[in-house]
PDB file of N, CA and C in Angstrom:
ATOM      1  N   UNK A   1       0.846  -1.181   0.000  1.00  0.00           N
ATOM      2  CA  UNK A   1       0.000   0.000   0.000  1.00  0.00           C
ATOM      3  C   UNK A   1       0.888   1.241   0.000  1.00  0.00           C
ATOM      4  N   UNK A   2       0.436   2.254  -0.702  1.00  0.00           N
ATOM      5  CA  UNK A   2       1.216   3.489  -0.785  1.00  0.00           C
ATOM      6  C   UNK A   2       1.101   4.297   0.515  1.00  0.00           C
ATOM      7  N   UNK A   3       2.063   5.190   0.754  1.00  0.00           N
ATOM      8  CA  UNK A   3       2.085   5.955   2.011  1.00  0.00           C
ATOM      9  C   UNK A   3       0.845   6.828   2.236  1.00  0.00           C
ATOM     10  N   UNK A   4       0.279   7.395   1.176  1.00  0.00           N
ATOM     11  CA  UNK A   4      -0.914   8.238   1.324  1.00  0.00           C
ATOM     12  C   UNK A   4      -2.081   7.400   1.833  1.00  0.00           C
ATOM     13  N   UNK A   5      -2.249   6.216   1.260  1.00  0.00           N
ATOM     14  CA  UNK A   5      -3.340   5.345   1.698  1.00  0.00           C
ATOM     15  C   UNK A   5      -3.135   4.915   3.143  1.00  0.00           C
ATOM     16  N   UNK A   6      -1.918   4.579   3.502  1.00  0.00           N
ATOM     17  CA  UNK A   6      -1.636   4.196   4.894  1.00  0.00           C
ATOM     18  C   UNK A   6      -1.920   5.337   5.862  1.00  0.00           C
ATOM     19  N   UNK A   7      -1.549   6.542   5.474  1.00  0.00           N
ATOM     20  CA  UNK A   7      -1.814   7.710   6.322  1.00  0.00           C
ATOM     21  C   UNK A   7      -3.316   7.937   6.457  1.00  0.00           C
ATOM     22  N   UNK A   8      -4.031   7.819   5.344  1.00  0.00           N
ATOM     23  CA  UNK A   8      -5.483   8.021   5.376  1.00  0.00           C
ATOM     24  C   UNK A   8      -6.171   6.968   6.233  1.00  0.00           C
ATOM     25  N   UNK A   9      -5.737   5.722   6.132  1.00  0.00           N
ATOM     26  CA  UNK A   9      -6.309   4.666   6.957  1.00  0.00           C
ATOM     27  C   UNK A   9      -6.028   4.936   8.435  1.00  0.00           C
ATOM     28  N   UNK A  10      -4.832   5.401   8.728  1.00  0.00           N
ATOM     29  CA  UNK A  10      -4.477   5.746  10.100  1.00  0.00           C
ATOM     30  C   UNK A  10      -5.379   6.858  10.638  1.00  0.00           C
ATOM     31  N   UNK A  11      -5.589   7.889   9.820  1.00  0.00           N
ATOM     32  CA  UNK A  11      -6.472   8.987  10.224  1.00  0.00           C
ATOM     33  C   UNK A  11      -7.893   8.483  10.439  1.00  0.00           C
ATOM     34  N   UNK A  12      -8.370   7.675   9.512  1.00  0.00           N
ATOM     35  CA  UNK A  12      -9.729   7.147   9.630  1.00  0.00           C
ATOM     36  C   UNK A  12      -9.869   6.297  10.891  1.00  0.00           C
ATOM     37  N   UNK A  13      -8.901   5.438  11.130  1.00  0.00           N
ATOM     38  CA  UNK A  13      -8.964   4.567  12.300  1.00  0.00           C
ATOM     39  C   UNK A  13      -9.010   5.370  13.598  1.00  0.00           C
ATOM     40  N   UNK A  14      -8.271   6.456  13.619  1.00  0.00           N
ATOM     41  CA  UNK A  14      -8.185   7.263  14.840  1.00  0.00           C
ATOM     42  C   UNK A  14      -9.370   8.198  15.026  1.00  0.00           C
ATOM     43  N   UNK A  15      -9.842   8.804  13.928  1.00  0.00           N
ATOM     44  CA  UNK A  15     -10.849   9.859  14.048  1.00  0.00           C
ATOM     45  C   UNK A  15     -12.222   9.512  13.489  1.00  0.00           C
ATOM     46  N   UNK A  16     -12.292   8.648  12.478  1.00  0.00           N
ATOM     47  CA  UNK A  16     -13.572   8.332  11.835  1.00  0.00           C
ATOM     48  C   UNK A  16     -13.600   6.843  11.472  1.00  0.00           C
ATOM     49  N   UNK A  17     -13.614   5.958  12.463  1.00  0.00           N
ATOM     50  CA  UNK A  17     -13.510   4.525  12.170  1.00  0.00           C
ATOM     51  C   UNK A  17     -14.651   3.964  11.318  1.00  0.00           C
ATOM     52  N   UNK A  18     -15.756   4.672  11.249  1.00  0.00           N
ATOM     53  CA  UNK A  18     -16.894   4.202  10.454  1.00  0.00           C
ATOM     54  C   UNK A  18     -16.565   4.059   8.969  1.00  0.00           C
ATOM     55  N   UNK A  19     -15.545   4.750   8.484  1.00  0.00           N
ATOM     56  CA  UNK A  19     -15.259   4.725   7.049  1.00  0.00           C
ATOM     57  C   UNK A  19     -14.144   3.746   6.663  1.00  0.00           C
ATOM     58  N   UNK A  20     -13.617   3.000   7.609  1.00  0.00           N
ATOM     59  CA  UNK A  20     -12.515   2.077   7.323  1.00  0.00           C
ATOM     60  C   UNK A  20     -12.867   1.133   6.176  1.00  0.00           C
ATOM     61  N   UNK A  21     -14.087   0.686   6.120  1.00  0.00           N
ATOM     62  CA  UNK A  21     -14.510  -0.250   5.078  1.00  0.00           C
ATOM     63  C   UNK A  21     -14.391   0.285   3.668  1.00  0.00           C
ATOM     64  N   UNK A  22     -14.296   1.577   3.495  1.00  0.00           N
ATOM     65  CA  UNK A  22     -14.210   2.175   2.154  1.00  0.00           C
ATOM     66  C   UNK A  22     -12.814   2.055   1.544  1.00  0.00           C
ATOM     67  N   UNK A  23     -11.841   1.601   2.319  1.00  0.00           N
ATOM     68  CA  UNK A  23     -10.463   1.492   1.844  1.00  0.00           C
ATOM     69  C   UNK A  23     -10.173   0.110   1.279  1.00  0.00           C
ATOM     70  N   UNK A  24     -11.071  -0.390   0.463  1.00  0.00           N
ATOM     71  CA  UNK A  24     -10.910  -1.701  -0.157  1.00  0.00           C
ATOM     72  C   UNK A  24     -10.978  -1.552  -1.668  1.00  0.00           C
ATOM     73  N   UNK A  25     -10.366  -2.468  -2.346  1.00  0.00           N
ATOM     74  CA  UNK A  25     -10.479  -2.525  -3.796  1.00  0.00           C
ATOM     75  C   UNK A  25      -9.634  -1.497  -4.518  1.00  0.00           C
ATOM     76  N   UNK A  26      -9.915  -1.362  -5.789  1.00  0.00           N
ATOM     77  CA  UNK A  26      -9.135  -0.489  -6.662  1.00  0.00           C
ATOM     78  C   UNK A  26      -9.307   0.994  -6.343  1.00  0.00           C
ATOM     79  N   UNK A  27     -10.397   1.359  -5.736  1.00  0.00           N
ATOM     80  CA  UNK A  27     -10.671   2.771  -5.421  1.00  0.00           C
ATOM     81  C   UNK A  27     -10.113   3.202  -4.065  1.00  0.00           C
ATOM     82  N   UNK A  28      -9.390   2.334  -3.375  1.00  0.00           N
ATOM     83  CA  UNK A  28      -8.848   2.672  -2.059  1.00  0.00           C
ATOM     84  C   UNK A  28      -7.968   3.914  -2.129  1.00  0.00           C
ATOM     85  N   UNK A  29      -7.170   4.028  -3.170  1.00  0.00           N
ATOM     86  CA  UNK A  29      -6.313   5.201  -3.323  1.00  0.00           C
ATOM     87  C   UNK A  29      -7.103   6.475  -3.528  1.00  0.00           C
ATOM     88  N   UNK A  30      -8.203   6.381  -4.252  1.00  0.00           N
ATOM     89  CA  UNK A  30      -9.064   7.545  -4.487  1.00  0.00           C
ATOM     90  C   UNK A  30      -9.738   7.982  -3.182  1.00  0.00           C
ATOM     91  N   UNK A  31     -10.225   7.025  -2.426  1.00  0.00           N
ATOM     92  CA  UNK A  31     -10.831   7.320  -1.125  1.00  0.00           C
ATOM     93  C   UNK A  31      -9.782   7.943  -0.204  1.00  0.00           C
ATOM     94  N   UNK A  32      -8.595   7.346  -0.194  1.00  0.00           N
ATOM     95  CA  UNK A  32      -7.513   7.862   0.646  1.00  0.00           C
ATOM     96  C   UNK A  32      -7.163   9.292   0.275  1.00  0.00           C
ATOM     97  N   UNK A  33      -7.084   9.571  -1.013  1.00  0.00           N
ATOM     98  CA  UNK A  33      -6.782  10.933  -1.459  1.00  0.00           C
ATOM     99  C   UNK A  33      -7.807  11.935  -0.975  1.00  0.00           C
ATOM    100  N   UNK A  34      -9.073  11.548  -1.009  1.00  0.00           N
ATOM    101  CA  UNK A  34     -10.143  12.439  -0.543  1.00  0.00           C
ATOM    102  C   UNK A  34     -10.031  12.685   0.961  1.00  0.00           C
ATOM    103  N   UNK A  35      -9.745  11.640   1.728  1.00  0.00           N
ATOM    104  CA  UNK A  35      -9.608  11.782   3.180  1.00  0.00           C
ATOM    105  C   UNK A  35      -8.423  12.691   3.510  1.00  0.00           C
ATOM    106  N   UNK A  36      -7.315  12.489   2.816  1.00  0.00           N
ATOM    107  CA  UNK A  36      -6.139  13.339   3.034  1.00  0.00           C
ATOM    108  C   UNK A  36      -6.440  14.778   2.642  1.00  0.00           C
ATOM    109  N   UNK A  37      -7.128  14.978   1.520  1.00  0.00           N
ATOM    110  CA  UNK A  37      -7.507  16.337   1.103  1.00  0.00           C
ATOM    111  C   UNK A  37      -8.344  17.022   2.173  1.00  0.00           C
ATOM    112  N   UNK A  38      -9.292  16.293   2.733  1.00  0.00           N
ATOM    113  CA  UNK A  38     -10.124  16.863   3.795  1.00  0.00           C
ATOM    114  C   UNK A  38      -9.287  17.227   5.020  1.00  0.00           C
ATOM    115  N   UNK A  39      -8.365  16.352   5.383  1.00  0.00           N
ATOM    116  CA  UNK A  39      -7.509  16.624   6.549  1.00  0.00           C
ATOM    117  C   UNK A  39      -6.651  17.861   6.306  1.00  0.00           C
ATOM    118  N   UNK A  40      -6.086  17.968   5.115  1.00  0.00           N
ATOM    119  CA  UNK A  40      -5.236  19.125   4.811  1.00  0.00           C
ATOM    120  C   UNK A  40      -6.056  20.408   4.734  1.00  0.00           C
ATOM    121  N   UNK A  41      -7.258  20.327   4.209  1.00  0.00           N
ATOM    122  CA  UNK A  41      -8.114  21.508   4.132  1.00  0.00           C
ATOM    123  C   UNK A  41      -8.494  21.987   5.529  1.00  0.00           C
ATOM    124  N   UNK A  42      -8.910  21.064   6.371  1.00  0.00           N
ATOM    125  CA  UNK A  42      -9.318  21.418   7.733  1.00  0.00           C
ATOM    126  C   UNK A  42      -8.152  22.006   8.524  1.00  0.00           C
ATOM    127  N   UNK A  43      -6.975  21.417   8.353  1.00  0.00           N
ATOM    128  CA  UNK A  43      -5.821  21.857   9.151  1.00  0.00           C
ATOM    129  C   UNK A  43      -5.046  22.999   8.513  1.00  0.00           C
ATOM    130  N   UNK A  44      -5.281  23.253   7.231  1.00  0.00           N
ATOM    131  CA  UNK A  44      -4.545  24.308   6.535  1.00  0.00           C
ATOM    132  C   UNK A  44      -3.098  23.935   6.273  1.00  0.00           C
ATOM    133  N   UNK A  45      -2.821  22.641   6.172  1.00  0.00           N
ATOM    134  CA  UNK A  45      -1.460  22.170   5.961  1.00  0.00           C
ATOM    135  C   UNK A  45      -1.254  21.740   4.507  1.00  0.00           C
ATOM    136  N   UNK A  46       0.001  21.533   4.152  1.00  0.00           N
ATOM    137  CA  UNK A  46       0.328  21.194   2.772  1.00  0.00           C
ATOM    138  C   UNK A  46       0.727  19.738   2.562  1.00  0.00           C
ATOM    139  N   UNK A  47       1.015  19.014   3.638  1.00  0.00           N
ATOM    140  CA  UNK A  47       1.409  17.612   3.493  1.00  0.00           C
ATOM    141  C   UNK A  47       0.551  16.734   4.403  1.00  0.00           C
ATOM    142  N   UNK A  48       0.403  15.467   4.040  1.00  0.00           N
ATOM    143  CA  UNK A  48      -0.353  14.555   4.904  1.00  0.00           C
ATOM    144  C   UNK A  48       0.245  14.446   6.309  1.00  0.00           C
ATOM    145  N   UNK A  49       1.562  14.392   6.402  1.00  0.00           N
ATOM    146  CA  UNK A  49       2.198  14.285   7.718  1.00  0.00           C
ATOM    147  C   UNK A  49       1.924  15.511   8.584  1.00  0.00           C
ATOM    148  N   UNK A  50       1.941  16.692   7.969  1.00  0.00           N
ATOM    149  CA  UNK A  50       1.626  17.913   8.716  1.00  0.00           C
ATOM    150  C   UNK A  50       0.174  17.910   9.174  1.00  0.00           C
ATOM    151  N   UNK A  51      -0.717  17.387   8.334  1.00  0.00           N
ATOM    152  CA  UNK A  51      -2.133  17.312   8.702  1.00  0.00           C
ATOM    153  C   UNK A  51      -2.319  16.389   9.903  1.00  0.00           C
ATOM    154  N   UNK A  52      -1.649  15.240   9.880  1.00  0.00           N
ATOM    155  CA  UNK A  52      -1.728  14.298  11.003  1.00  0.00           C
ATOM    156  C   UNK A  52      -1.236  14.969  12.280  1.00  0.00           C
ATOM    157  N   UNK A  53      -0.102  15.643  12.199  1.00  0.00           N
ATOM    158  CA  UNK A  53       0.451  16.316  13.378  1.00  0.00           C
ATOM    159  C   UNK A  53      -0.505  17.373  13.908  1.00  0.00           C
ATOM    160  N   UNK A  54      -1.108  18.144  13.021  1.00  0.00           N
ATOM    161  CA  UNK A  54      -2.037  19.194  13.437  1.00  0.00           C
ATOM    162  C   UNK A  54      -3.279  18.596  14.097  1.00  0.00           C
ATOM    163  N   UNK A  55      -3.806  17.517  13.540  1.00  0.00           N
ATOM    164  CA  UNK A  55      -4.984  16.880  14.123  1.00  0.00           C
ATOM    165  C   UNK A  55      -4.666  16.275  15.483  1.00  0.00           C
ATOM    166  N   UNK A  56      -3.487  15.691  15.595  1.00  0.00           N
ATOM    167  CA  UNK A  56      -3.075  15.112  16.873  1.00  0.00           C
ATOM    168  C   UNK A  56      -2.879  16.180  17.946  1.00  0.00           C
ATOM    169  N   UNK A  57      -2.475  17.363  17.532  1.00  0.00           N
ATOM    170  CA  UNK A  57      -2.167  18.432  18.482  1.00  0.00           C
ATOM    171  C   UNK A  57      -3.382  19.242  18.911  1.00  0.00           C
ATOM    172  N   UNK A  58      -4.432  19.238  18.112  1.00  0.00           N
ATOM    173  CA  UNK A  58      -5.556  20.128  18.379  1.00  0.00           C
ATOM    174  C   UNK A  58      -6.890  19.370  18.315  1.00  0.00           C
ATOM    175  N   UNK A  59      -7.494  19.088  19.456  1.00  0.00           N
ATOM    176  CA  UNK A  59      -8.762  18.357  19.472  1.00  0.00           C
ATOM    177  C   UNK A  59      -9.885  19.059  18.691  1.00  0.00           C
ATOM    178  N   UNK A  60      -9.870  20.375  18.656  1.00  0.00           N
ATOM    179  CA  UNK A  60     -10.898  21.106  17.910  1.00  0.00           C
ATOM    180  C   UNK A  60     -10.771  20.820  16.413  1.00  0.00           C
ATOM    181  N   UNK A  61      -9.536  20.769  15.913  1.00  0.00           N
ATOM    182  CA  UNK A  61      -9.330  20.421  14.507  1.00  0.00           C
ATOM    183  C   UNK A  61      -9.755  18.987  14.235  1.00  0.00           C
ATOM    184  N   UNK A  62      -9.516  18.103  15.189  1.00  0.00           N
ATOM    185  CA  UNK A  62      -9.925  16.711  15.026  1.00  0.00           C
ATOM    186  C   UNK A  62     -11.440  16.608  14.873  1.00  0.00           C
ATOM    187  N   UNK A  63     -12.168  17.389  15.650  1.00  0.00           N
ATOM    188  CA  UNK A  63     -13.634  17.401  15.543  1.00  0.00           C
ATOM    189  C   UNK A  63     -14.048  17.963  14.183  1.00  0.00           C
ATOM    190  N   UNK A  64     -13.393  19.021  13.739  1.00  0.00           N
ATOM    191  CA  UNK A  64     -13.703  19.598  12.424  1.00  0.00           C
ATOM    192  C   UNK A  64     -13.419  18.594  11.310  1.00  0.00           C
ATOM    193  N   UNK A  65     -12.325  17.833  11.440  1.00  0.00           N
ATOM    194  CA  UNK A  65     -11.992  16.816  10.440  1.00  0.00           C
ATOM    195  C   UNK A  65     -13.069  15.737  10.407  1.00  0.00           C
ATOM    196  N   UNK A  66     -13.448  15.261  11.564  1.00  0.00           N
ATOM    197  CA  UNK A  66     -14.500  14.232  11.632  1.00  0.00           C
ATOM    198  C   UNK A  66     -15.786  14.745  10.997  1.00  0.00           C
ATOM    199  N   UNK A  67     -16.138  15.972  11.280  1.00  0.00           N
ATOM    200  CA  UNK A  67     -17.340  16.570  10.702  1.00  0.00           C
ATOM    201  C   UNK A  67     -17.227  16.669   9.179  1.00  0.00           C
ATOM    202  N   UNK A  68     -16.065  17.070   8.687  1.00  0.00           N
ATOM    203  CA  UNK A  68     -15.845  17.177   7.240  1.00  0.00           C
ATOM    204  C   UNK A  68     -15.948  15.814   6.564  1.00  0.00           C
ATOM    205  N   UNK A  69     -15.385  14.806   7.187  1.00  0.00           N
ATOM    206  CA  UNK A  69     -15.472  13.460   6.611  1.00  0.00           C
ATOM    207  C   UNK A  69     -16.925  13.002   6.582  1.00  0.00           C
ATOM    208  N   UNK A  70     -17.630  13.210   7.662  1.00  0.00           N
ATOM    209  CA  UNK A  70     -19.034  12.805   7.714  1.00  0.00           C
ATOM    210  C   UNK A  70     -19.859  13.550   6.671  1.00  0.00           C
ATOM    211  N   UNK A  71     -19.549  14.819   6.439  1.00  0.00           N
ATOM    212  CA  UNK A  71     -20.267  15.600   5.434  1.00  0.00           C
ATOM    213  C   UNK A  71     -19.986  15.089   4.020  1.00  0.00           C
ATOM    214  N   UNK A  72     -18.848  14.445   3.843  1.00  0.00           N
ATOM    215  CA  UNK A  72     -18.460  13.928   2.531  1.00  0.00           C
ATOM    216  C   UNK A  72     -18.587  12.413   2.442  1.00  0.00           C
ATOM    217  N   UNK A  73     -19.236  11.805   3.407  1.00  0.00           N
ATOM    218  CA  UNK A  73     -19.318  10.345   3.432  1.00  0.00           C
ATOM    219  C   UNK A  73     -20.059   9.783   2.223  1.00  0.00           C
ATOM    220  N   UNK A  74     -21.050  10.482   1.726  1.00  0.00           N
ATOM    221  CA  UNK A  74     -21.767   9.994   0.541  1.00  0.00           C
ATOM    222  C   UNK A  74     -20.822   9.868  -0.653  1.00  0.00           C
ATOM    223  N   UNK A  75     -19.925  10.833  -0.817  1.00  0.00           N
ATOM    224  CA  UNK A  75     -18.960  10.762  -1.909  1.00  0.00           C
ATOM    225  C   UNK A  75     -17.975   9.614  -1.698  1.00  0.00           C
ATOM    226  N   UNK A  76     -17.513   9.434  -0.471  1.00  0.00           N
ATOM    227  CA  UNK A  76     -16.602   8.326  -0.176  1.00  0.00           C
ATOM    228  C   UNK A  76     -17.285   6.986  -0.444  1.00  0.00           C
ATOM    229  N   UNK A  77     -18.548   6.897  -0.057  1.00  0.00           N
ATOM    230  CA  UNK A  77     -19.303   5.671  -0.285  1.00  0.00           C
ATOM    231  C   UNK A  77     -19.505   5.431  -1.776  1.00  0.00           C
ATOM    232  N   UNK A  78     -19.746   6.490  -2.535  1.00  0.00           N
ATOM    233  CA  UNK A  78     -19.907   6.365  -3.984  1.00  0.00           C
ATOM    234  C   UNK A  78     -18.624   5.820  -4.613  1.00  0.00           C
ATOM    235  N   UNK A  79     -17.475   6.328  -4.174  1.00  0.00           N
ATOM    236  CA  UNK A  79     -16.195   5.839  -4.693  1.00  0.00           C
ATOM    237  C   UNK A  79     -16.043   4.344  -4.427  1.00  0.00           C
ATOM    238  N   UNK A  80     -16.343   3.962  -3.213  1.00  0.00           N
ATOM    239  CA  UNK A  80     -16.229   2.559  -2.820  1.00  0.00           C
ATOM    240  C   UNK A  80     -17.193   1.687  -3.625  1.00  0.00           C
ATOM    241  N   UNK A  81     -18.451   2.114  -3.721  1.00  0.00           N
ATOM    242  CA  UNK A  81     -19.462   1.309  -4.407  1.00  0.00           C
ATOM    243  C   UNK A  81     -19.211   1.227  -5.912  1.00  0.00           C
ATOM    244  N   UNK A  82     -18.639   2.257  -6.506  1.00  0.00           N
ATOM    245  CA  UNK A  82     -18.352   2.187  -7.935  1.00  0.00           C
ATOM    246  C   UNK A  82     -17.318   1.094  -8.215  1.00  0.00           C
ATOM    247  N   UNK A  83     -16.432   0.864  -7.282  1.00  0.00           N
ATOM    248  CA  UNK A  83     -15.456  -0.211  -7.416  1.00  0.00           C
ATOM    249  C   UNK A  83     -16.135  -1.574  -7.246  1.00  0.00           C
ATOM    250  N   UNK A  84     -17.063  -1.659  -6.307  1.00  0.00           N
ATOM    251  CA  UNK A  84     -17.766  -2.911  -6.039  1.00  0.00           C
ATOM    252  C   UNK A  84     -18.706  -3.284  -7.174  1.00  0.00           C
ATOM    253  N   UNK A  85     -19.211  -2.287  -7.915  1.00  0.00           N
ATOM    254  CA  UNK A  85     -20.131  -2.518  -9.015  1.00  0.00           C
ATOM    255  C   UNK A  85     -19.519  -3.387 -10.098  1.00  0.00           C
ATOM    256  N   UNK A  86     -18.242  -3.148 -10.362  1.00  0.00           N
ATOM    257  CA  UNK A  86     -17.557  -3.897 -11.419  1.00  0.00           C
ATOM    258  C   UNK A  86     -17.384  -5.321 -10.994  1.00  0.00           C
TER     259      UNK A  86
END
């Protein structure tokens, strides 16, 4: 697995475990990219590692990240299901 996907799975496991199931199949990288994008947007950081550090350091940002993921869960689910359709 690539580092971005591993980082995204780590973030999901820690902050939004409900979405872990979406990291399966060929679309796992696409789902991971979306989760990382959300983390970087919420934290205002430029790298996945910086986003992780910011979320770990600030509980308020962690709540905002969880909220952002939940708001985008339909899109994450669509990515996952499009892979399962094939």
